[in-house]
Amino acid sequence: QVQLVESGGGMVQAGGSLRLSCAASGRSFNDYTMGWFRQAAGKEREFVGAISGSGGYTLYSDSVKGRFIISRDNAKNVVYLQMTNLKSEDTAVYYCAADGRRHVSMQTMIREGFGAWGPGTQVTVSS
């Protein structure tokens, strides 16, 4: 089972940028679809974006499309979330997730839940 640890969270002013990283342990990292989710205080966890194992396909929520970019470095077992033009509503705990199921669409993974999760990292955007 892959283990995940996020880093890079912190406080930033509105309009600023931040890059989150998620380091994965274990082998065959490129077999995993990786996702980013977030949960604001008092709200349910929501999907942010996901990237396929090869990095060739990405999917984003409408709320972050055009502002956030997901990428991965399979040689380093790391996935990134580059966040730009941050808004106060982006304040949340951000979670990295991984799913190694084959022949399952990214949309199904998002709906059913990813198989492994990191502990999360706090992002606070001040206005």
Foldseek 3Di string as FASTA:
>chain_A
DKAKAKDFADEEAAQAKTKMKIAIDDPDLLLKKKFKWWDAPPGDIGGAKIAHSVRPDMDGDPVQPPFWDWGDDNVRRMIMIIGGNDDQVVWTWMKMAIANDPPDDPVVCRVVDGDYIHPTDTHGYHD
